[in-house]
Amino acid sequence: MRSRALTILKEIFSYSNFRGQQAEIITHVTSGHDCMILMPTGRGKSLCYQIPALTRNEVAVIFSSLIALM
């Protein structure tokens, strides 16, 4: 699943590599596990939920507190 996530990262988001713990978090979530992420602003949290949703062939519901930053 990691290679699929990396392909999505490159083709959709135009990044060549994951930052920090993004790859570990995405692998954990795409393996079917739950996860709570606490990261500072600007560290790529949105990719940690967008990429797992894009790797699936079904509907994904994402609850995010990012609206609180607006």
PDB file of N, CA and C in Angstrom:
ATOM      1  N   MET A   1       0.829  -1.198   0.000  1.00  0.00           N
ATOM      2  CA  MET A   1       0.000   0.000   0.000  1.00  0.00           C
ATOM      3  C   MET A   1       0.869   1.256   0.000  1.00  0.00           C
ATOM      4  N   ARG A   2       2.085   1.142   0.543  1.00  0.00           N
ATOM      5  CA  ARG A   2       2.966   2.298   0.606  1.00  0.00           C
ATOM      6  C   ARG A   2       3.313   2.810  -0.791  1.00  0.00           C
ATOM      7  N   SER A   3       3.516   1.902  -1.749  1.00  0.00           N
ATOM      8  CA  SER A   3       3.849   2.344  -3.102  1.00  0.00           C
ATOM      9  C   SER A   3       2.670   3.076  -3.747  1.00  0.00           C
ATOM     10  N   ARG A   4       1.434   2.611  -3.457  1.00  0.00           N
ATOM     11  CA  ARG A   4       0.238   3.300  -3.972  1.00  0.00           C
ATOM     12  C   ARG A   4       0.149   4.702  -3.382  1.00  0.00           C
ATOM     13  N   ALA A   5       0.424   4.816  -2.083  1.00  0.00           N
ATOM     14  CA  ALA A   5       0.395   6.118  -1.413  1.00  0.00           C
ATOM     15  C   ALA A   5       1.462   7.050  -1.993  1.00  0.00           C
ATOM     16  N   LEU A   6       2.629   6.519  -2.271  1.00  0.00           N
ATOM     17  CA  LEU A   6       3.702   7.335  -2.843  1.00  0.00           C
ATOM     18  C   LEU A   6       3.352   7.781  -4.262  1.00  0.00           C
ATOM     19  N   THR A   7       2.707   6.911  -5.017  1.00  0.00           N
ATOM     20  CA  THR A   7       2.257   7.269  -6.367  1.00  0.00           C
ATOM     21  C   THR A   7       1.254   8.410  -6.306  1.00  0.00           C
ATOM     22  N   ILE A   8       0.294   8.324  -5.393  1.00  0.00           N
ATOM     23  CA  ILE A   8      -0.699   9.391  -5.216  1.00  0.00           C
ATOM     24  C   ILE A   8      -0.015  10.687  -4.804  1.00  0.00           C
ATOM     25  N   LEU A   9       0.945  10.587  -3.889  1.00  0.00           N
ATOM     26  CA  LEU A   9       1.686  11.770  -3.439  1.00  0.00           C
ATOM     27  C   LEU A   9       2.355  12.475  -4.615  1.00  0.00           C
ATOM     28  N   LYS A  10       2.964  11.692  -5.497  1.00  0.00           N
ATOM     29  CA  LYS A  10       3.681  12.267  -6.638  1.00  0.00           C
ATOM     30  C   LYS A  10       2.731  12.780  -7.720  1.00  0.00           C
ATOM     31  N   GLU A  11       1.726  11.976  -8.088  1.00  0.00           N
ATOM     32  CA  GLU A  11       0.863  12.316  -9.219  1.00  0.00           C
ATOM     33  C   GLU A  11      -0.188  13.379  -8.896  1.00  0.00           C
ATOM     34  N   ILE A  12      -0.757  13.336  -7.706  1.00  0.00           N
ATOM     35  CA  ILE A  12      -1.831  14.268  -7.370  1.00  0.00           C
ATOM     36  C   ILE A  12      -1.316  15.509  -6.651  1.00  0.00           C
ATOM     37  N   PHE A  13      -0.394  15.308  -5.707  1.00  0.00           N
ATOM     38  CA  PHE A  13       0.070  16.430  -4.887  1.00  0.00           C
ATOM     39  C   PHE A  13       1.418  16.996  -5.328  1.00  0.00           C
ATOM     40  N   SER A  14       2.084  16.353  -6.283  1.00  0.00           N
ATOM     41  CA  SER A  14       3.367  16.810  -6.854  1.00  0.00           C
ATOM     42  C   SER A  14       4.499  16.919  -5.837  1.00  0.00           C
ATOM     43  N   TYR A  15       4.497  16.035  -4.847  1.00  0.00           N
ATOM     44  CA  TYR A  15       5.612  15.943  -3.899  1.00  0.00           C
ATOM     45  C   TYR A  15       6.359  14.659  -4.182  1.00  0.00           C
ATOM     46  N   SER A  16       7.670  14.654  -4.010  1.00  0.00           N
ATOM     47  CA  SER A  16       8.455  13.460  -4.305  1.00  0.00           C
ATOM     48  C   SER A  16       8.636  12.547  -3.093  1.00  0.00           C
ATOM     49  N   ASN A  17       8.544  13.104  -1.892  1.00  0.00           N
ATOM     50  CA  ASN A  17       8.750  12.314  -0.681  1.00  0.00           C
ATOM     51  C   ASN A  17       7.801  12.748   0.412  1.00  0.00           C
ATOM     52  N   PHE A  18       7.532  11.802   1.329  1.00  0.00           N
ATOM     53  CA  PHE A  18       6.757  12.141   2.516  1.00  0.00           C
ATOM     54  C   PHE A  18       7.648  12.914   3.482  1.00  0.00           C
ATOM     55  N   ARG A  19       7.015  13.686   4.351  1.00  0.00           N
ATOM     56  CA  ARG A  19       7.747  14.463   5.359  1.00  0.00           C
ATOM     57  C   ARG A  19       7.520  13.849   6.732  1.00  0.00           C
ATOM     58  N   GLY A  20       8.539  13.883   7.564  1.00  0.00           N
ATOM     59  CA  GLY A  20       8.414  13.439   8.942  1.00  0.00           C
ATOM     60  C   GLY A  20       7.821  12.043   9.052  1.00  0.00           C
ATOM     61  N   GLN A  21       6.751  11.936   9.814  1.00  0.00           N
ATOM     62  CA  GLN A  21       6.115  10.646  10.056  1.00  0.00           C
ATOM     63  C   GLN A  21       4.905  10.382   9.154  1.00  0.00           C
ATOM     64  N   GLN A  22       4.746  11.154   8.096  1.00  0.00           N
ATOM     65  CA  GLN A  22       3.597  10.983   7.208  1.00  0.00           C
ATOM     66  C   GLN A  22       3.493   9.557   6.670  1.00  0.00           C
ATOM     67  N   ALA A  23       4.583   8.995   6.181  1.00  0.00           N
ATOM     68  CA  ALA A  23       4.544   7.651   5.600  1.00  0.00           C
ATOM     69  C   ALA A  23       4.108   6.619   6.639  1.00  0.00           C
ATOM     70  N   GLU A  24       4.631   6.727   7.837  1.00  0.00           N
ATOM     71  CA  GLU A  24       4.273   5.800   8.914  1.00  0.00           C
ATOM     72  C   GLU A  24       2.786   5.915   9.264  1.00  0.00           C
ATOM     73  N   ILE A  25       2.300   7.133   9.352  1.00  0.00           N
ATOM     74  CA  ILE A  25       0.887   7.369   9.681  1.00  0.00           C
ATOM     75  C   ILE A  25      -0.014   6.834   8.569  1.00  0.00           C
ATOM     76  N   ILE A  26       0.320   7.127   7.329  1.00  0.00           N
ATOM     77  CA  ILE A  26      -0.488   6.699   6.190  1.00  0.00           C
ATOM     78  C   ILE A  26      -0.506   5.173   6.094  1.00  0.00           C
ATOM     79  N   THR A  27       0.632   4.538   6.302  1.00  0.00           N
ATOM     80  CA  THR A  27       0.696   3.070   6.290  1.00  0.00           C
ATOM     81  C   THR A  27      -0.186   2.490   7.388  1.00  0.00           C
ATOM     82  N   HIS A  28      -0.152   3.083   8.561  1.00  0.00           N
ATOM     83  CA  HIS A  28      -0.960   2.624   9.697  1.00  0.00           C
ATOM     84  C   HIS A  28      -2.454   2.720   9.370  1.00  0.00           C
ATOM     85  N   VAL A  29      -2.867   3.843   8.820  1.00  0.00           N
ATOM     86  CA  VAL A  29      -4.278   4.066   8.516  1.00  0.00           C
ATOM     87  C   VAL A  29      -4.737   3.176   7.365  1.00  0.00           C
ATOM     88  N   THR A  30      -3.932   3.050   6.316  1.00  0.00           N
ATOM     89  CA  THR A  30      -4.325   2.216   5.183  1.00  0.00           C
ATOM     90  C   THR A  30      -4.331   0.729   5.537  1.00  0.00           C
ATOM     91  N   SER A  31      -3.710   0.370   6.635  1.00  0.00           N
ATOM     92  CA  SER A  31      -3.745  -1.016   7.111  1.00  0.00           C
ATOM     93  C   SER A  31      -5.021  -1.315   7.887  1.00  0.00           C
ATOM     94  N   GLY A  32      -5.874  -0.307   8.033  1.00  0.00           N
ATOM     95  CA  GLY A  32      -7.157  -0.508   8.690  1.00  0.00           C
ATOM     96  C   GLY A  32      -7.193  -0.125  10.157  1.00  0.00           C
ATOM     97  N   HIS A  33      -6.148   0.521  10.626  1.00  0.00           N
ATOM     98  CA  HIS A  33      -6.079   0.924  12.031  1.00  0.00           C
ATOM     99  C   HIS A  33      -6.542   2.360  12.207  1.00  0.00           C
ATOM    100  N   ASP A  34      -7.047   2.663  13.385  1.00  0.00           N
ATOM    101  CA  ASP A  34      -7.421   4.034  13.725  1.00  0.00           C
ATOM    102  C   ASP A  34      -6.177   4.794  14.167  1.00  0.00           C
ATOM    103  N   CYS A  35      -6.278   6.112  14.088  1.00  0.00           N
ATOM    104  CA  CYS A  35      -5.110   6.914  14.424  1.00  0.00           C
ATOM    105  C   CYS A  35      -5.542   8.306  14.854  1.00  0.00           C
ATOM    106  N   MET A  36      -4.914   8.842  15.860  1.00  0.00           N
ATOM    107  CA  MET A  36      -5.098  10.238  16.233  1.00  0.00           C
ATOM    108  C   MET A  36      -3.743  10.915  16.070  1.00  0.00           C
ATOM    109  N   ILE A  37      -3.733  11.963  15.289  1.00  0.00           N
ATOM    110  CA  ILE A  37      -2.476  12.640  14.969  1.00  0.00           C
ATOM    111  C   ILE A  37      -2.448  14.004  15.630  1.00  0.00           C
ATOM    112  N   LEU A  38      -1.373  14.305  16.288  1.00  0.00           N
ATOM    113  CA  LEU A  38      -1.164  15.619  16.880  1.00  0.00           C
ATOM    114  C   LEU A  38       0.133  16.167  16.294  1.00  0.00           C
ATOM    115  N   MET A  39      -0.023  17.107  15.364  1.00  0.00           N
ATOM    116  CA  MET A  39       1.127  17.684  14.672  1.00  0.00           C
ATOM    117  C   MET A  39       0.970  19.194  14.628  1.00  0.00           C
ATOM    118  N   PRO A  40       2.083  19.919  14.623  1.00  0.00           N
ATOM    119  CA  PRO A  40       1.989  21.381  14.515  1.00  0.00           C
ATOM    120  C   PRO A  40       1.487  21.807  13.136  1.00  0.00           C
ATOM    121  N   THR A  41       1.006  23.010  13.054  1.00  0.00           N
ATOM    122  CA  THR A  41       0.541  23.580  11.796  1.00  0.00           C
ATOM    123  C   THR A  41       1.668  23.558  10.765  1.00  0.00           C
ATOM    124  N   GLY A  42       1.325  23.174   9.545  1.00  0.00           N
ATOM    125  CA  GLY A  42       2.293  23.179   8.458  1.00  0.00           C
ATOM    126  C   GLY A  42       3.121  21.923   8.325  1.00  0.00           C
ATOM    127  N   ARG A  43       2.781  20.867   9.032  1.00  0.00           N
ATOM    128  CA  ARG A  43       3.566  19.631   8.982  1.00  0.00           C
ATOM    129  C   ARG A  43       2.946  18.549   8.094  1.00  0.00           C
ATOM    130  N   GLY A  44       1.858  18.854   7.405  1.00  0.00           N
ATOM    131  CA  GLY A  44       1.304  17.914   6.444  1.00  0.00           C
ATOM    132  C   GLY A  44       0.249  16.972   6.973  1.00  0.00           C
ATOM    133  N   LYS A  45      -0.524  17.428   7.943  1.00  0.00           N
ATOM    134  CA  LYS A  45      -1.594  16.587   8.494  1.00  0.00           C
ATOM    135  C   LYS A  45      -2.614  16.221   7.430  1.00  0.00           C
ATOM    136  N   SER A  46      -2.954  17.155   6.574  1.00  0.00           N
ATOM    137  CA  SER A  46      -4.023  16.908   5.601  1.00  0.00           C
ATOM    138  C   SER A  46      -3.698  15.735   4.687  1.00  0.00           C
ATOM    139  N   LEU A  47      -2.447  15.551   4.328  1.00  0.00           N
ATOM    140  CA  LEU A  47      -2.077  14.412   3.492  1.00  0.00           C
ATOM    141  C   LEU A  47      -2.263  13.098   4.236  1.00  0.00           C
ATOM    142  N   CYS A  48      -2.174  13.139   5.550  1.00  0.00           N
ATOM    143  CA  CYS A  48      -2.321  11.928   6.362  1.00  0.00           C
ATOM    144  C   CYS A  48      -3.743  11.396   6.353  1.00  0.00           C
ATOM    145  N   TYR A  49      -4.712  12.222   5.993  1.00  0.00           N
ATOM    146  CA  TYR A  49      -6.074  11.699   5.838  1.00  0.00           C
ATOM    147  C   TYR A  49      -6.530  11.698   4.385  1.00  0.00           C
ATOM    148  N   GLN A  50      -5.976  12.566   3.552  1.00  0.00           N
ATOM    149  CA  GLN A  50      -6.393  12.600   2.156  1.00  0.00           C
ATOM    150  C   GLN A  50      -5.866  11.397   1.373  1.00  0.00           C
ATOM    151  N   ILE A  51      -4.612  11.046   1.571  1.00  0.00           N
ATOM    152  CA  ILE A  51      -4.030   9.941   0.808  1.00  0.00           C
ATOM    153  C   ILE A  51      -4.674   8.599   1.159  1.00  0.00           C
ATOM    154  N   PRO A  52      -4.870   8.256   2.440  1.00  0.00           N
ATOM    155  CA  PRO A  52      -5.569   6.991   2.718  1.00  0.00           C
ATOM    156  C   PRO A  52      -6.969   6.946   2.091  1.00  0.00           C
ATOM    157  N   ALA A  53      -7.661   8.073   2.066  1.00  0.00           N
ATOM    158  CA  ALA A  53      -8.988   8.111   1.448  1.00  0.00           C
ATOM    159  C   ALA A  53      -8.892   7.866  -0.055  1.00  0.00           C
ATOM    160  N   LEU A  54      -7.856   8.394  -0.692  1.00  0.00           N
ATOM    161  CA  LEU A  54      -7.686   8.225  -2.134  1.00  0.00           C
ATOM    162  C   LEU A  54      -7.223   6.820  -2.522  1.00  0.00           C
ATOM    163  N   THR A  55      -6.634   6.078  -1.595  1.00  0.00           N
ATOM    164  CA  THR A  55      -6.169   4.724  -1.909  1.00  0.00           C
ATOM    165  C   THR A  55      -7.304   3.710  -1.917  1.00  0.00           C
ATOM    166  N   ARG A  56      -8.443   4.071  -1.361  1.00  0.00           N
ATOM    167  CA  ARG A  56      -9.570   3.143  -1.249  1.00  0.00           C
ATOM    168  C   ARG A  56     -10.535   3.306  -2.415  1.00  0.00           C
ATOM    169  N   ASN A  57     -11.232   2.246  -2.734  1.00  0.00           N
ATOM    170  CA  ASN A  57     -12.232   2.276  -3.803  1.00  0.00           C
ATOM    171  C   ASN A  57     -13.635   2.336  -3.219  1.00  0.00           C
ATOM    172  N   GLU A  58     -13.782   3.089  -2.155  1.00  0.00           N
ATOM    173  CA  GLU A  58     -15.075   3.246  -1.495  1.00  0.00           C
ATOM    174  C   GLU A  58     -15.157   4.644  -0.896  1.00  0.00           C
ATOM    175  N   VAL A  59     -16.290   4.954  -0.336  1.00  0.00           N
ATOM    176  CA  VAL A  59     -16.509   6.274   0.252  1.00  0.00           C
ATOM    177  C   VAL A  59     -15.710   6.399   1.552  1.00  0.00           C
ATOM    178  N   ALA A  60     -15.104   7.548   1.757  1.00  0.00           N
ATOM    179  CA  ALA A  60     -14.369   7.823   2.992  1.00  0.00           C
ATOM    180  C   ALA A  60     -14.994   9.033   3.671  1.00  0.00           C
ATOM    181  N   VAL A  61     -15.239   8.918   4.959  1.00  0.00           N
ATOM    182  CA  VAL A  61     -15.748  10.037   5.747  1.00  0.00           C
ATOM    183  C   VAL A  61     -14.627  10.475   6.667  1.00  0.00           C
ATOM    184  N   ILE A  62     -14.284  11.750   6.579  1.00  0.00           N
ATOM    185  CA  ILE A  62     -13.152  12.272   7.353  1.00  0.00           C
ATOM    186  C   ILE A  62     -13.645  13.376   8.267  1.00  0.00           C
ATOM    187  N   PHE A  63     -13.340  13.242   9.542  1.00  0.00           N
ATOM    188  CA  PHE A  63     -13.643  14.285  10.524  1.00  0.00           C
ATOM    189  C   PHE A  63     -12.340  14.991  10.836  1.00  0.00           C
ATOM    190  N   SER A  64     -12.286  16.277  10.562  1.00  0.00           N
ATOM    191  CA  SER A  64     -11.055  17.025  10.761  1.00  0.00           C
ATOM    192  C   SER A  64     -11.323  18.304  11.528  1.00  0.00           C
ATOM    193  N   SER A  65     -10.411  18.647  12.380  1.00  0.00           N
ATOM    194  CA  SER A  65     -10.533  19.901  13.133  1.00  0.00           C
ATOM    195  C   SER A  65      -9.821  21.054  12.436  1.00  0.00           C
ATOM    196  N   LEU A  66      -9.387  20.873  11.211  1.00  0.00           N
ATOM    197  CA  LEU A  66      -8.659  21.923  10.513  1.00  0.00           C
ATOM    198  C   LEU A  66      -9.458  23.195  10.324  1.00  0.00           C
ATOM    199  N   ILE A  67     -10.765  23.087  10.299  1.00  0.00           N
ATOM    200  CA  ILE A  67     -11.608  24.279  10.174  1.00  0.00           C
ATOM    201  C   ILE A  67     -11.359  25.250  11.330  1.00  0.00           C
ATOM    202  N   ALA A  68     -10.928  24.725  12.459  1.00  0.00           N
ATOM    203  CA  ALA A  68     -10.662  25.563  13.629  1.00  0.00           C
ATOM    204  C   ALA A  68      -9.506  26.521  13.369  1.00  0.00           C
ATOM    205  N   LEU A  69      -8.681  26.241  12.385  1.00  0.00           N
ATOM    206  CA  LEU A  69      -7.535  27.111  12.084  1.00  0.00           C
ATOM    207  C   LEU A  69      -7.922  28.315  11.244  1.00  0.00           C
ATOM    208  N   MET A  70      -9.120  28.307  10.675  1.00  0.00           N
ATOM    209  CA  MET A  70      -9.531  29.407   9.784  1.00  0.00           C
ATOM    210  C   MET A  70     -10.007  30.612  10.562  1.00  0.00           C
TER     211      MET A  70
END
